[in-house]
């Protein structure tokens, strides 16, 4: 994978926040990436990795 999965996850998380006014699905303020906790960060990394793989396969 050309990009660092954690960096991709941080970028995706930031983009999600920008599109929702930094609110989560409940309408509560989103925590900073550093405050998410490992399980949630791991889930974002898994999602970003899956998207990166799909993009690479299409290329």
C-alpha atoms as a PDB file:
ATOM      1  CA  UNK A   1       0.000   0.000   0.000  1.00  0.00           C
ATOM      2  CA  UNK A   2       1.458   3.311  -1.061  1.00  0.00           C
ATOM      3  CA  UNK A   3       0.165   5.346   1.897  1.00  0.00           C
ATOM      4  CA  UNK A   4       0.470   4.805   5.619  1.00  0.00           C
ATOM      5  CA  UNK A   5      -2.801   3.236   6.834  1.00  0.00           C
ATOM      6  CA  UNK A   6      -2.877   5.305  10.009  1.00  0.00           C
ATOM      7  CA  UNK A   7      -2.334   8.527   8.071  1.00  0.00           C
ATOM      8  CA  UNK A   8      -5.144   7.554   5.706  1.00  0.00           C
ATOM      9  CA  UNK A   9      -7.412   6.809   8.677  1.00  0.00           C
ATOM     10  CA  UNK A  10      -6.622  10.189  10.256  1.00  0.00           C
ATOM     11  CA  UNK A  11      -7.399  11.895   6.951  1.00  0.00           C
ATOM     12  CA  UNK A  12     -10.685  10.008   6.611  1.00  0.00           C
ATOM     13  CA  UNK A  13     -11.654  10.803  10.207  1.00  0.00           C
ATOM     14  CA  UNK A  14     -10.890  14.488   9.661  1.00  0.00           C
ATOM     15  CA  UNK A  15     -12.924  14.510   6.425  1.00  0.00           C
ATOM     16  CA  UNK A  16     -15.857  12.874   8.219  1.00  0.00           C
ATOM     17  CA  UNK A  17     -15.636  15.570  10.878  1.00  0.00           C
ATOM     18  CA  UNK A  18     -15.491  18.352   8.321  1.00  0.00           C
ATOM     19  CA  UNK A  19     -18.602  17.031   6.599  1.00  0.00           C
ATOM     20  CA  UNK A  20     -20.608  16.741   9.838  1.00  0.00           C
ATOM     21  CA  UNK A  21     -19.544  19.890  11.662  1.00  0.00           C
ATOM     22  CA  UNK A  22     -17.306  17.698  13.832  1.00  0.00           C
ATOM     23  CA  UNK A  23     -20.315  15.824  15.184  1.00  0.00           C
ATOM     24  CA  UNK A  24     -20.666  12.053  15.454  1.00  0.00           C
ATOM     25  CA  UNK A  25     -23.670  10.017  14.369  1.00  0.00           C
ATOM     26  CA  UNK A  26     -25.464  10.916  17.611  1.00  0.00           C
ATOM     27  CA  UNK A  27     -24.870  14.623  17.089  1.00  0.00           C
ATOM     28  CA  UNK A  28     -22.305  14.785  19.877  1.00  0.00           C
ATOM     29  CA  UNK A  29     -18.952  16.513  19.387  1.00  0.00           C
ATOM     30  CA  UNK A  30     -16.326  14.225  17.859  1.00  0.00           C
ATOM     31  CA  UNK A  31     -13.256  13.576  19.991  1.00  0.00           C
ATOM     32  CA  UNK A  32      -9.808  14.357  18.640  1.00  0.00           C
ATOM     33  CA  UNK A  33      -8.130  11.413  16.865  1.00  0.00           C
ATOM     34  CA  UNK A  34      -5.713  11.052  19.785  1.00  0.00           C
ATOM     35  CA  UNK A  35      -8.638  10.700  22.209  1.00  0.00           C
ATOM     36  CA  UNK A  36     -10.591   8.048  20.288  1.00  0.00           C
ATOM     37  CA  UNK A  37      -9.030   5.054  21.955  1.00  0.00           C
ATOM     38  CA  UNK A  38      -7.326   2.132  20.291  1.00  0.00           C
ATOM     39  CA  UNK A  39     -10.404   0.082  19.290  1.00  0.00           C
ATOM     40  CA  UNK A  40     -11.974   2.972  17.375  1.00  0.00           C
ATOM     41  CA  UNK A  41      -8.674   4.020  15.804  1.00  0.00           C
ATOM     42  CA  UNK A  42      -8.151   0.399  14.730  1.00  0.00           C
ATOM     43  CA  UNK A  43     -11.591   0.369  13.105  1.00  0.00           C
ATOM     44  CA  UNK A  44     -10.814   3.577  11.163  1.00  0.00           C
ATOM     45  CA  UNK A  45      -7.468   2.113  10.057  1.00  0.00           C
ATOM     46  CA  UNK A  46      -9.224  -1.054   8.867  1.00  0.00           C
ATOM     47  CA  UNK A  47     -11.742   0.988   6.890  1.00  0.00           C
ATOM     48  CA  UNK A  48      -9.047   3.176   5.329  1.00  0.00           C
ATOM     49  CA  UNK A  49      -6.981   0.103   4.461  1.00  0.00           C
ATOM     50  CA  UNK A  50      -9.951  -1.526   2.742  1.00  0.00           C
ATOM     51  CA  UNK A  51     -10.601   1.593   0.653  1.00  0.00           C
ATOM     52  CA  UNK A  52      -6.916   1.916  -0.288  1.00  0.00           C
ATOM     53  CA  UNK A  53      -6.824  -1.734  -1.390  1.00  0.00           C
ATOM     54  CA  UNK A  54      -9.967  -1.298  -3.484  1.00  0.00           C
ATOM     55  CA  UNK A  55      -8.501   1.773  -5.173  1.00  0.00           C
ATOM     56  CA  UNK A  56      -5.226  -0.051  -5.879  1.00  0.00           C
ATOM     57  CA  UNK A  57      -7.106  -2.998  -7.396  1.00  0.00           C
ATOM     58  CA  UNK A  58      -8.994  -0.687  -9.743  1.00  0.00           C
ATOM     59  CA  UNK A  59      -5.802   1.022 -10.901  1.00  0.00           C
END
